[in-house]
């Protein structure tokens, strides 16, 4: 059984994708597919809540980085909510943290 869950919701021109548990190679395609479905609706703001993550590997980072690249291309704002300290450190070491907006609470940006 996987320690993983992804949920999506939308309100107005904003969408929220909440990812909990282990975000690794085993579930990366599922998250990418969920993000693609949400992006297809054309939200102006895409919020990815990582506050419930217990682990994320490089495949998870790749999915988030690809979502950021698509957001930039589409003129969409992407915000990441409170990645765990280890994930935040990986973002900072890779300088990916300089390319994305990170906030501490979903309520700061959504809806």
PDB file of N, CA and C in Angstrom:
ATOM      1  N   UNK A   1       0.835  -1.183   0.000  1.00  0.00           N
ATOM      2  CA  UNK A   1       0.000   0.000   0.000  1.00  0.00           C
ATOM      3  C   UNK A   1       0.881   1.248   0.000  1.00  0.00           C
ATOM      4  N   UNK A   2       0.548   2.199  -0.854  1.00  0.00           N
ATOM      5  CA  UNK A   2       1.335   3.421  -0.973  1.00  0.00           C
ATOM      6  C   UNK A   2       1.006   4.409   0.135  1.00  0.00           C
ATOM      7  N   UNK A   3       2.030   5.089   0.581  1.00  0.00           N
ATOM      8  CA  UNK A   3       1.848   6.211   1.499  1.00  0.00           C
ATOM      9  C   UNK A   3       1.779   7.466   0.628  1.00  0.00           C
ATOM     10  N   UNK A   4       0.605   7.661   0.004  1.00  0.00           N
ATOM     11  CA  UNK A   4       0.491   8.747  -0.968  1.00  0.00           C
ATOM     12  C   UNK A   4      -0.971   9.093  -1.199  1.00  0.00           C
ATOM     13  N   UNK A   5      -1.219  10.393  -1.415  1.00  0.00           N
ATOM     14  CA  UNK A   5      -2.546  10.862  -1.781  1.00  0.00           C
ATOM     15  C   UNK A   5      -2.396  12.165  -2.548  1.00  0.00           C
ATOM     16  N   UNK A   6      -3.210  12.355  -3.567  1.00  0.00           N
ATOM     17  CA  UNK A   6      -3.257  13.625  -4.288  1.00  0.00           C
ATOM     18  C   UNK A   6      -4.721  14.003  -4.453  1.00  0.00           C
ATOM     19  N   UNK A   7      -5.026  15.253  -4.153  1.00  0.00           N
ATOM     20  CA  UNK A   7      -6.388  15.756  -4.283  1.00  0.00           C
ATOM     21  C   UNK A   7      -6.343  17.094  -5.001  1.00  0.00           C
ATOM     22  N   UNK A   8      -7.380  17.352  -5.777  1.00  0.00           N
ATOM     23  CA  UNK A   8      -7.461  18.625  -6.484  1.00  0.00           C
ATOM     24  C   UNK A   8      -8.801  19.292  -6.184  1.00  0.00           C
ATOM     25  N   UNK A   9      -8.776  20.605  -6.217  1.00  0.00           N
ATOM     26  CA  UNK A   9     -10.009  21.385  -6.115  1.00  0.00           C
ATOM     27  C   UNK A   9      -9.771  22.705  -6.824  1.00  0.00           C
ATOM     28  N   UNK A  10     -10.868  23.347  -7.179  1.00  0.00           N
ATOM     29  CA  UNK A  10     -10.735  24.645  -7.837  1.00  0.00           C
ATOM     30  C   UNK A  10     -11.825  25.572  -7.356  1.00  0.00           C
ATOM     31  N   UNK A  11     -11.504  26.838  -7.428  1.00  0.00           N
ATOM     32  CA  UNK A  11     -12.460  27.885  -7.084  1.00  0.00           C
ATOM     33  C   UNK A  11     -12.142  29.092  -7.948  1.00  0.00           C
ATOM     34  N   UNK A  12     -13.118  29.502  -8.742  1.00  0.00           N
ATOM     35  CA  UNK A  12     -12.896  30.619  -9.643  1.00  0.00           C
ATOM     36  C   UNK A  12     -11.777  30.304 -10.610  1.00  0.00           C
ATOM     37  N   UNK A  13     -10.805  31.198 -10.699  1.00  0.00           N
ATOM     38  CA  UNK A  13      -9.680  31.006 -11.623  1.00  0.00           C
ATOM     39  C   UNK A  13      -8.453  30.420 -10.925  1.00  0.00           C
ATOM     40  N   UNK A  14      -8.666  29.799  -9.764  1.00  0.00           N
ATOM     41  CA  UNK A  14      -7.566  29.212  -8.991  1.00  0.00           C
ATOM     42  C   UNK A  14      -7.779  27.712  -8.830  1.00  0.00           C
ATOM     43  N   UNK A  15      -6.677  26.977  -8.790  1.00  0.00           N
ATOM     44  CA  UNK A  15      -6.728  25.536  -8.564  1.00  0.00           C
ATOM     45  C   UNK A  15      -5.726  25.169  -7.482  1.00  0.00           C
ATOM     46  N   UNK A  16      -6.093  24.171  -6.694  1.00  0.00           N
ATOM     47  CA  UNK A  16      -5.247  23.689  -5.601  1.00  0.00           C
ATOM     48  C   UNK A  16      -5.028  22.199  -5.784  1.00  0.00           C
ATOM     49  N   UNK A  17      -3.760  21.797  -5.788  1.00  0.00           N
ATOM     50  CA  UNK A  17      -3.393  20.385  -5.830  1.00  0.00           C
ATOM     51  C   UNK A  17      -2.648  20.095  -4.530  1.00  0.00           C
ATOM     52  N   UNK A  18      -3.192  19.175  -3.747  1.00  0.00           N
ATOM     53  CA  UNK A  18      -2.604  18.820  -2.458  1.00  0.00           C
ATOM     54  C   UNK A  18      -1.988  17.434  -2.569  1.00  0.00           C
ATOM     55  N   UNK A  19      -0.698  17.348  -2.242  1.00  0.00           N
ATOM     56  CA  UNK A  19       0.028  16.083  -2.336  1.00  0.00           C
ATOM     57  C   UNK A  19       0.496  15.714  -0.935  1.00  0.00           C
ATOM     58  N   UNK A  20       0.169  14.488  -0.512  1.00  0.00           N
ATOM     59  CA  UNK A  20       0.548  14.022   0.826  1.00  0.00           C
ATOM     60  C   UNK A  20       1.288  12.691   0.725  1.00  0.00           C
ATOM     61  N   UNK A  21       2.177  12.472   1.672  1.00  0.00           N
ATOM     62  CA  UNK A  21       2.888  11.198   1.746  1.00  0.00           C
ATOM     63  C   UNK A  21       4.191  11.232   0.988  1.00  0.00           C
ATOM     64  N   UNK A  22       4.506  10.123   0.326  1.00  0.00           N
ATOM     65  CA  UNK A  22       5.775   9.978  -0.391  1.00  0.00           C
ATOM     66  C   UNK A  22       5.576  10.292  -1.865  1.00  0.00           C
ATOM     67  N   UNK A  23       6.248  11.334  -2.331  1.00  0.00           N
ATOM     68  CA  UNK A  23       6.176  11.761  -3.732  1.00  0.00           C
ATOM     69  C   UNK A  23       7.468  11.294  -4.392  1.00  0.00           C
ATOM     70  N   UNK A  24       7.409  10.102  -4.975  1.00  0.00           N
ATOM     71  CA  UNK A  24       8.594   9.498  -5.557  1.00  0.00           C
ATOM     72  C   UNK A  24       8.291   8.962  -6.955  1.00  0.00           C
ATOM     73  N   UNK A  25       9.233   8.230  -7.509  1.00  0.00           N
ATOM     74  CA  UNK A  25       9.105   7.712  -8.868  1.00  0.00           C
ATOM     75  C   UNK A  25       7.835   6.889  -9.045  1.00  0.00           C
ATOM     76  N   UNK A  26       7.435   6.181  -8.014  1.00  0.00           N
ATOM     77  CA  UNK A  26       6.251   5.328  -8.083  1.00  0.00           C
ATOM     78  C   UNK A  26       4.974   6.108  -8.385  1.00  0.00           C
ATOM     79  N   UNK A  27       4.903   7.366  -7.956  1.00  0.00           N
ATOM     80  CA  UNK A  27       3.673   8.144  -8.109  1.00  0.00           C
ATOM     81  C   UNK A  27       3.838   9.389  -8.978  1.00  0.00           C
ATOM     82  N   UNK A  28       5.043   9.617  -9.487  1.00  0.00           N
ATOM     83  CA  UNK A  28       5.318  10.839 -10.252  1.00  0.00           C
ATOM     84  C   UNK A  28       4.395  10.983 -11.466  1.00  0.00           C
ATOM     85  N   UNK A  29       4.142   9.899 -12.181  1.00  0.00           N
ATOM     86  CA  UNK A  29       3.280   9.969 -13.361  1.00  0.00           C
ATOM     87  C   UNK A  29       1.854  10.323 -12.949  1.00  0.00           C
ATOM     88  N   UNK A  30       1.402   9.776 -11.837  1.00  0.00           N
ATOM     89  CA  UNK A  30       0.046  10.087 -11.366  1.00  0.00           C
ATOM     90  C   UNK A  30      -0.081  11.570 -11.041  1.00  0.00           C
ATOM     91  N   UNK A  31       0.920  12.130 -10.364  1.00  0.00           N
ATOM     92  CA  UNK A  31       0.883  13.560 -10.042  1.00  0.00           C
ATOM     93  C   UNK A  31       0.950  14.390 -11.321  1.00  0.00           C
ATOM     94  N   UNK A  32       1.829  14.010 -12.241  1.00  0.00           N
ATOM     95  CA  UNK A  32       1.944  14.735 -13.511  1.00  0.00           C
ATOM     96  C   UNK A  32       0.611  14.717 -14.259  1.00  0.00           C
ATOM     97  N   UNK A  33      -0.069  13.583 -14.244  1.00  0.00           N
ATOM     98  CA  UNK A  33      -1.378  13.485 -14.904  1.00  0.00           C
ATOM     99  C   UNK A  33      -2.414  14.377 -14.219  1.00  0.00           C
ATOM    100  N   UNK A  34      -2.426  14.393 -12.893  1.00  0.00           N
ATOM    101  CA  UNK A  34      -3.352  15.262 -12.152  1.00  0.00           C
ATOM    102  C   UNK A  34      -3.090  16.722 -12.477  1.00  0.00           C
ATOM    103  N   UNK A  35      -1.820  17.100 -12.505  1.00  0.00           N
ATOM    104  CA  UNK A  35      -1.464  18.484 -12.829  1.00  0.00           C
ATOM    105  C   UNK A  35      -1.897  18.828 -14.253  1.00  0.00           C
ATOM    106  N   UNK A  36      -1.699  17.909 -15.189  1.00  0.00           N
ATOM    107  CA  UNK A  36      -2.096  18.155 -16.579  1.00  0.00           C
ATOM    108  C   UNK A  36      -3.607  18.372 -16.681  1.00  0.00           C
ATOM    109  N   UNK A  37      -4.386  17.581 -15.946  1.00  0.00           N
ATOM    110  CA  UNK A  37      -5.845  17.752 -15.954  1.00  0.00           C
ATOM    111  C   UNK A  37      -6.236  19.120 -15.407  1.00  0.00           C
ATOM    112  N   UNK A  38      -5.601  19.519 -14.323  1.00  0.00           N
ATOM    113  CA  UNK A  38      -5.900  20.825 -13.726  1.00  0.00           C
ATOM    114  C   UNK A  38      -5.479  21.944 -14.677  1.00  0.00           C
ATOM    115  N   UNK A  39      -4.287  21.828 -15.241  1.00  0.00           N
ATOM    116  CA  UNK A  39      -3.781  22.858 -16.151  1.00  0.00           C
ATOM    117  C   UNK A  39      -4.670  23.000 -17.388  1.00  0.00           C
ATOM    118  N   UNK A  40      -5.280  21.915 -17.828  1.00  0.00           N
ATOM    119  CA  UNK A  40      -6.150  21.946 -19.008  1.00  0.00           C
ATOM    120  C   UNK A  40      -7.380  22.826 -18.793  1.00  0.00           C
ATOM    121  N   UNK A  41      -7.748  23.079 -17.539  1.00  0.00           N
ATOM    122  CA  UNK A  41      -8.894  23.942 -17.251  1.00  0.00           C
ATOM    123  C   UNK A  41      -8.515  25.420 -17.312  1.00  0.00           C
ATOM    124  N   UNK A  42      -7.223  25.717 -17.449  1.00  0.00           N
ATOM    125  CA  UNK A  42      -6.757  27.086 -17.622  1.00  0.00           C
ATOM    126  C   UNK A  42      -6.795  27.982 -16.400  1.00  0.00           C
ATOM    127  N   UNK A  43      -6.420  27.478 -15.227  1.00  0.00           N
ATOM    128  CA  UNK A  43      -6.433  28.362 -14.059  1.00  0.00           C
ATOM    129  C   UNK A  43      -5.376  29.459 -14.185  1.00  0.00           C
ATOM    130  N   UNK A  44      -5.670  30.615 -13.630  1.00  0.00           N
ATOM    131  CA  UNK A  44      -4.683  31.699 -13.602  1.00  0.00           C
ATOM    132  C   UNK A  44      -3.665  31.466 -12.495  1.00  0.00           C
ATOM    133  N   UNK A  45      -4.098  30.758 -11.448  1.00  0.00           N
ATOM    134  CA  UNK A  45      -3.244  30.450 -10.308  1.00  0.00           C
ATOM    135  C   UNK A  45      -3.306  28.958 -10.033  1.00  0.00           C
ATOM    136  N   UNK A  46      -2.142  28.326  -9.937  1.00  0.00           N
ATOM    137  CA  UNK A  46      -2.046  26.924  -9.566  1.00  0.00           C
ATOM    138  C   UNK A  46      -1.242  26.846  -8.272  1.00  0.00           C
ATOM    139  N   UNK A  47      -1.886  26.344  -7.232  1.00  0.00           N
ATOM    140  CA  UNK A  47      -1.237  26.191  -5.928  1.00  0.00           C
ATOM    141  C   UNK A  47      -0.967  24.711  -5.715  1.00  0.00           C
ATOM    142  N   UNK A  48       0.271  24.380  -5.385  1.00  0.00           N
ATOM    143  CA  UNK A  48       0.642  22.998  -5.087  1.00  0.00           C
ATOM    144  C   UNK A  48       1.024  22.940  -3.613  1.00  0.00           C
ATOM    145  N   UNK A  49       0.187  22.263  -2.838  1.00  0.00           N
ATOM    146  CA  UNK A  49       0.388  22.165  -1.392  1.00  0.00           C
ATOM    147  C   UNK A  49       1.234  20.937  -1.084  1.00  0.00           C
ATOM    148  N   UNK A  50       2.459  21.183  -0.629  1.00  0.00           N
ATOM    149  CA  UNK A  50       3.386  20.105  -0.279  1.00  0.00           C
ATOM    150  C   UNK A  50       3.537  19.961   1.235  1.00  0.00           C
ATOM    151  N   UNK A  51       2.711  20.638   2.008  1.00  0.00           N
ATOM    152  CA  UNK A  51       2.879  20.642   3.468  1.00  0.00           C
ATOM    153  C   UNK A  51       2.671  19.265   4.087  1.00  0.00           C
ATOM    154  N   UNK A  52       1.984  18.363   3.388  1.00  0.00           N
ATOM    155  CA  UNK A  52       1.751  17.029   3.925  1.00  0.00           C
ATOM    156  C   UNK A  52       2.704  15.967   3.399  1.00  0.00           C
ATOM    157  N   UNK A  53       3.769  16.398   2.731  1.00  0.00           N
ATOM    158  CA  UNK A  53       4.737  15.428   2.218  1.00  0.00           C
ATOM    159  C   UNK A  53       5.578  14.847   3.351  1.00  0.00           C
ATOM    160  N   UNK A  54       5.882  13.567   3.225  1.00  0.00           N
ATOM    161  CA  UNK A  54       6.840  12.950   4.129  1.00  0.00           C
ATOM    162  C   UNK A  54       8.173  12.725   3.417  1.00  0.00           C
ATOM    163  N   UNK A  55       8.127  12.689   2.072  1.00  0.00           N
ATOM    164  CA  UNK A  55       9.339  12.434   1.286  1.00  0.00           C
ATOM    165  C   UNK A  55       9.102  12.879  -0.144  1.00  0.00           C
ATOM    166  N   UNK A  56      10.147  13.403  -0.792  1.00  0.00           N
ATOM    167  CA  UNK A  56      10.080  13.680  -2.225  1.00  0.00           C
ATOM    168  C   UNK A  56      11.460  13.437  -2.817  1.00  0.00           C
ATOM    169  N   UNK A  57      11.519  12.644  -3.886  1.00  0.00           N
ATOM    170  CA  UNK A  57      12.792  12.395  -4.553  1.00  0.00           C
ATOM    171  C   UNK A  57      12.926  13.279  -5.791  1.00  0.00           C
ATOM    172  N   UNK A  58      13.963  13.030  -6.566  1.00  0.00           N
ATOM    173  CA  UNK A  58      14.234  13.891  -7.724  1.00  0.00           C
ATOM    174  C   UNK A  58      13.141  13.798  -8.786  1.00  0.00           C
ATOM    175  N   UNK A  59      12.453  12.672  -8.873  1.00  0.00           N
ATOM    176  CA  UNK A  59      11.364  12.586  -9.845  1.00  0.00           C
ATOM    177  C   UNK A  59      10.228  13.524  -9.457  1.00  0.00           C
ATOM    178  N   UNK A  60       9.966  13.659  -8.167  1.00  0.00           N
ATOM    179  CA  UNK A  60       8.967  14.613  -7.696  1.00  0.00           C
ATOM    180  C   UNK A  60       9.382  16.038  -7.990  1.00  0.00           C
ATOM    181  N   UNK A  61      10.660  16.326  -7.763  1.00  0.00           N
ATOM    182  CA  UNK A  61      11.161  17.671  -8.091  1.00  0.00           C
ATOM    183  C   UNK A  61      11.013  17.948  -9.574  1.00  0.00           C
ATOM    184  N   UNK A  62      11.265  16.936 -10.383  1.00  0.00           N
ATOM    185  CA  UNK A  62      11.123  17.101 -11.825  1.00  0.00           C
ATOM    186  C   UNK A  62       9.693  17.426 -12.238  1.00  0.00           C
ATOM    187  N   UNK A  63       8.729  16.790 -11.585  1.00  0.00           N
ATOM    188  CA  UNK A  63       7.319  17.063 -11.886  1.00  0.00           C
ATOM    189  C   UNK A  63       6.969  18.510 -11.520  1.00  0.00           C
ATOM    190  N   UNK A  64       7.436  18.969 -10.365  1.00  0.00           N
ATOM    191  CA  UNK A  64       7.166  20.345  -9.935  1.00  0.00           C
ATOM    192  C   UNK A  64       7.869  21.339 -10.864  1.00  0.00           C
ATOM    193  N   UNK A  65       9.116  21.043 -11.225  1.00  0.00           N
ATOM    194  CA  UNK A  65       9.861  21.930 -12.126  1.00  0.00           C
ATOM    195  C   UNK A  65       9.179  22.014 -13.497  1.00  0.00           C
ATOM    196  N   UNK A  66       8.682  20.893 -13.998  1.00  0.00           N
ATOM    197  CA  UNK A  66       7.989  20.897 -15.290  1.00  0.00           C
ATOM    198  C   UNK A  66       6.699  21.710 -15.201  1.00  0.00           C
ATOM    199  N   UNK A  67       5.999  21.591 -14.073  1.00  0.00           N
ATOM    200  CA  UNK A  67       4.771  22.381 -13.880  1.00  0.00           C
ATOM    201  C   UNK A  67       5.092  23.866 -13.859  1.00  0.00           C
ATOM    202  N   UNK A  68       6.211  24.228 -13.231  1.00  0.00           N
ATOM    203  CA  UNK A  68       6.623  25.630 -13.200  1.00  0.00           C
ATOM    204  C   UNK A  68       6.940  26.122 -14.609  1.00  0.00           C
ATOM    205  N   UNK A  69       7.635  25.306 -15.383  1.00  0.00           N
ATOM    206  CA  UNK A  69       7.976  25.696 -16.758  1.00  0.00           C
ATOM    207  C   UNK A  69       6.708  25.891 -17.596  1.00  0.00           C
ATOM    208  N   UNK A  70       5.744  24.994 -17.454  1.00  0.00           N
ATOM    209  CA  UNK A  70       4.490  25.135 -18.199  1.00  0.00           C
ATOM    210  C   UNK A  70       3.723  26.369 -17.732  1.00  0.00           C
ATOM    211  N   UNK A  71       3.762  26.636 -16.439  1.00  0.00           N
ATOM    212  CA  UNK A  71       3.073  27.815 -15.902  1.00  0.00           C
ATOM    213  C   UNK A  71       3.666  29.087 -16.485  1.00  0.00           C
ATOM    214  N   UNK A  72       4.979  29.153 -16.523  1.00  0.00           N
ATOM    215  CA  UNK A  72       5.649  30.329 -17.080  1.00  0.00           C
ATOM    216  C   UNK A  72       5.253  30.512 -18.540  1.00  0.00           C
ATOM    217  N   UNK A  73       5.265  29.432 -19.289  1.00  0.00           N
ATOM    218  CA  UNK A  73       4.919  29.484 -20.710  1.00  0.00           C
ATOM    219  C   UNK A  73       3.467  29.919 -20.921  1.00  0.00           C
ATOM    220  N   UNK A  74       2.578  29.493 -20.021  1.00  0.00           N
ATOM    221  CA  UNK A  74       1.149  29.801 -20.162  1.00  0.00           C
ATOM    222  C   UNK A  74       0.747  31.120 -19.512  1.00  0.00           C
ATOM    223  N   UNK A  75       1.704  31.774 -18.838  1.00  0.00           N
ATOM    224  CA  UNK A  75       1.370  33.012 -18.142  1.00  0.00           C
ATOM    225  C   UNK A  75       0.582  32.769 -16.864  1.00  0.00           C
ATOM    226  N   UNK A  76       0.739  31.585 -16.311  1.00  0.00           N
ATOM    227  CA  UNK A  76       0.036  31.185 -15.090  1.00  0.00           C
ATOM    228  C   UNK A  76       0.969  31.369 -13.893  1.00  0.00           C
ATOM    229  N   UNK A  77       0.404  31.744 -12.781  1.00  0.00           N
ATOM    230  CA  UNK A  77       1.170  31.854 -11.532  1.00  0.00           C
ATOM    231  C   UNK A  77       1.133  30.501 -10.826  1.00  0.00           C
ATOM    232  N   UNK A  78       2.302  30.008 -10.415  1.00  0.00           N
ATOM    233  CA  UNK A  78       2.395  28.766  -9.661  1.00  0.00           C
ATOM    234  C   UNK A  78       2.989  29.079  -8.303  1.00  0.00           C
ATOM    235  N   UNK A  79       2.357  28.565  -7.257  1.00  0.00           N
ATOM    236  CA  UNK A  79       2.818  28.780  -5.887  1.00  0.00           C
ATOM    237  C   UNK A  79       2.900  27.431  -5.197  1.00  0.00           C
ATOM    238  N   UNK A  80       3.980  27.208  -4.468  1.00  0.00           N
ATOM    239  CA  UNK A  80       4.167  25.987  -3.685  1.00  0.00           C
ATOM    240  C   UNK A  80       3.961  26.333  -2.213  1.00  0.00           C
ATOM    241  N   UNK A  81       3.198  25.494  -1.518  1.00  0.00           N
ATOM    242  CA  UNK A  81       2.917  25.710  -0.106  1.00  0.00           C
ATOM    243  C   UNK A  81       3.773  24.786   0.753  1.00  0.00           C
ATOM    244  N   UNK A  82       4.506  25.390   1.624  1.00  0.00           N
ATOM    245  CA  UNK A  82       5.258  24.782   2.724  1.00  0.00           C
ATOM    246  C   UNK A  82       5.825  23.383   2.481  1.00  0.00           C
ATOM    247  N   UNK A  83       6.806  23.293   1.595  1.00  0.00           N
ATOM    248  CA  UNK A  83       7.454  21.988   1.461  1.00  0.00           C
ATOM    249  C   UNK A  83       8.185  21.658   2.768  1.00  0.00           C
ATOM    250  N   UNK A  84       8.307  20.383   3.118  1.00  0.00           N
ATOM    251  CA  UNK A  84       9.040  20.010   4.329  1.00  0.00           C
ATOM    252  C   UNK A  84      10.485  20.514   4.255  1.00  0.00           C
ATOM    253  N   UNK A  85      11.141  20.660   5.398  1.00  0.00           N
ATOM    254  CA  UNK A  85      12.515  21.206   5.414  1.00  0.00           C
ATOM    255  C   UNK A  85      13.479  20.504   4.461  1.00  0.00           C
ATOM    256  N   UNK A  86      13.410  19.179   4.351  1.00  0.00           N
ATOM    257  CA  UNK A  86      14.342  18.485   3.454  1.00  0.00           C
ATOM    258  C   UNK A  86      14.072  18.822   1.994  1.00  0.00           C
ATOM    259  N   UNK A  87      12.805  18.970   1.645  1.00  0.00           N
ATOM    260  CA  UNK A  87      12.445  19.331   0.273  1.00  0.00           C
ATOM    261  C   UNK A  87      12.833  20.785   0.010  1.00  0.00           C
ATOM    262  N   UNK A  88      12.577  21.642   0.967  1.00  0.00           N
ATOM    263  CA  UNK A  88      12.949  23.055   0.820  1.00  0.00           C
ATOM    264  C   UNK A  88      14.457  23.184   0.627  1.00  0.00           C
ATOM    265  N   UNK A  89      15.216  22.391   1.375  1.00  0.00           N
ATOM    266  CA  UNK A  89      16.673  22.427   1.236  1.00  0.00           C
ATOM    267  C   UNK A  89      17.088  21.989  -0.174  1.00  0.00           C
ATOM    268  N   UNK A  90      16.458  20.953  -0.691  1.00  0.00           N
ATOM    269  CA  UNK A  90      16.757  20.500  -2.058  1.00  0.00           C
ATOM    270  C   UNK A  90      16.400  21.585  -3.070  1.00  0.00           C
ATOM    271  N   UNK A  91      15.270  22.260  -2.867  1.00  0.00           N
ATOM    272  CA  UNK A  91      14.899  23.375  -3.736  1.00  0.00           C
ATOM    273  C   UNK A  91      15.979  24.455  -3.692  1.00  0.00           C
ATOM    274  N   UNK A  92      16.435  24.779  -2.495  1.00  0.00           N
ATOM    275  CA  UNK A  92      17.429  25.838  -2.339  1.00  0.00           C
ATOM    276  C   UNK A  92      18.788  25.439  -2.926  1.00  0.00           C
ATOM    277  N   UNK A  93      19.224  24.213  -2.679  1.00  0.00           N
ATOM    278  CA  UNK A  93      20.520  23.754  -3.199  1.00  0.00           C
ATOM    279  C   UNK A  93      20.540  23.720  -4.718  1.00  0.00           C
ATOM    280  N   UNK A  94      19.409  23.385  -5.315  1.00  0.00           N
ATOM    281  CA  UNK A  94      19.329  23.310  -6.776  1.00  0.00           C
ATOM    282  C   UNK A  94      19.013  24.670  -7.409  1.00  0.00           C
ATOM    283  N   UNK A  95      18.781  25.669  -6.545  1.00  0.00           N
ATOM    284  CA  UNK A  95      18.375  27.012  -6.955  1.00  0.00           C
ATOM    285  C   UNK A  95      16.982  27.054  -7.559  1.00  0.00           C
ATOM    286  N   UNK A  96      16.268  25.951  -7.501  1.00  0.00           N
ATOM    287  CA  UNK A  96      14.883  25.933  -7.952  1.00  0.00           C
ATOM    288  C   UNK A  96      14.030  26.825  -7.054  1.00  0.00           C
ATOM    289  N   UNK A  97      14.423  26.924  -5.798  1.00  0.00           N
ATOM    290  CA  UNK A  97      13.715  27.783  -4.854  1.00  0.00           C
ATOM    291  C   UNK A  97      13.712  29.248  -5.256  1.00  0.00           C
ATOM    292  N   UNK A  98      14.659  29.643  -6.108  1.00  0.00           N
ATOM    293  CA  UNK A  98      14.720  31.024  -6.594  1.00  0.00           C
ATOM    294  C   UNK A  98      13.726  31.261  -7.738  1.00  0.00           C
ATOM    295  N   UNK A  99      13.246  30.176  -8.345  1.00  0.00           N
ATOM    296  CA  UNK A  99      12.371  30.306  -9.508  1.00  0.00           C
ATOM    297  C   UNK A  99      10.892  30.167  -9.173  1.00  0.00           C
ATOM    298  N   UNK A 100      10.593  29.718  -7.960  1.00  0.00           N
ATOM    299  CA  UNK A 100       9.202  29.504  -7.591  1.00  0.00           C
ATOM    300  C   UNK A 100       8.841  30.359  -6.385  1.00  0.00           C
ATOM    301  N   UNK A 101       7.552  30.578  -6.226  1.00  0.00           N
ATOM    302  CA  UNK A 101       7.043  31.278  -5.059  1.00  0.00           C
ATOM    303  C   UNK A 101       6.659  30.226  -4.031  1.00  0.00           C
ATOM    304  N   UNK A 102       7.166  30.386  -2.805  1.00  0.00           N
ATOM    305  CA  UNK A 102       6.849  29.465  -1.719  1.00  0.00           C
ATOM    306  C   UNK A 102       6.201  30.258  -0.601  1.00  0.00           C
ATOM    307  N   UNK A 103       5.074  29.758  -0.105  1.00  0.00           N
ATOM    308  CA  UNK A 103       4.381  30.382   1.025  1.00  0.00           C
ATOM    309  C   UNK A 103       4.191  29.343   2.122  1.00  0.00           C
ATOM    310  N   UNK A 104       3.860  29.819   3.333  1.00  0.00           N
ATOM    311  CA  UNK A 104       3.716  28.914   4.476  1.00  0.00           C
ATOM    312  C   UNK A 104       2.304  28.365   4.666  1.00  0.00           C
ATOM    313  N   UNK A 105       1.304  29.041   4.127  1.00  0.00           N
ATOM    314  CA  UNK A 105      -0.076  28.620   4.344  1.00  0.00           C
ATOM    315  C   UNK A 105      -0.880  28.690   3.048  1.00  0.00           C
ATOM    316  N   UNK A 106      -1.720  27.711   2.817  1.00  0.00           N
ATOM    317  CA  UNK A 106      -2.602  27.725   1.643  1.00  0.00           C
ATOM    318  C   UNK A 106      -3.446  28.991   1.642  1.00  0.00           C
ATOM    319  N   UNK A 107      -3.930  29.395   2.829  1.00  0.00           N
ATOM    320  CA  UNK A 107      -4.828  30.537   2.930  1.00  0.00           C
ATOM    321  C   UNK A 107      -4.167  31.851   2.490  1.00  0.00           C
ATOM    322  N   UNK A 108      -2.843  31.861   2.383  1.00  0.00           N
ATOM    323  CA  UNK A 108      -2.142  33.065   1.924  1.00  0.00           C
ATOM    324  C   UNK A 108      -2.364  33.326   0.437  1.00  0.00           C
ATOM    325  N   UNK A 109      -2.728  32.274  -0.320  1.00  0.00           N
ATOM    326  CA  UNK A 109      -2.858  32.426  -1.768  1.00  0.00           C
ATOM    327  C   UNK A 109      -4.115  31.830  -2.374  1.00  0.00           C
ATOM    328  N   UNK A 110      -4.787  30.942  -1.671  1.00  0.00           N
ATOM    329  CA  UNK A 110      -5.942  30.249  -2.224  1.00  0.00           C
ATOM    330  C   UNK A 110      -7.122  30.374  -1.288  1.00  0.00           C
ATOM    331  N   UNK A 111      -8.309  30.718  -1.778  1.00  0.00           N
ATOM    332  CA  UNK A 111      -8.662  30.957  -3.163  1.00  0.00           C
ATOM    333  C   UNK A 111      -8.262  32.332  -3.602  1.00  0.00           C
TER     334      UNK A 111
END
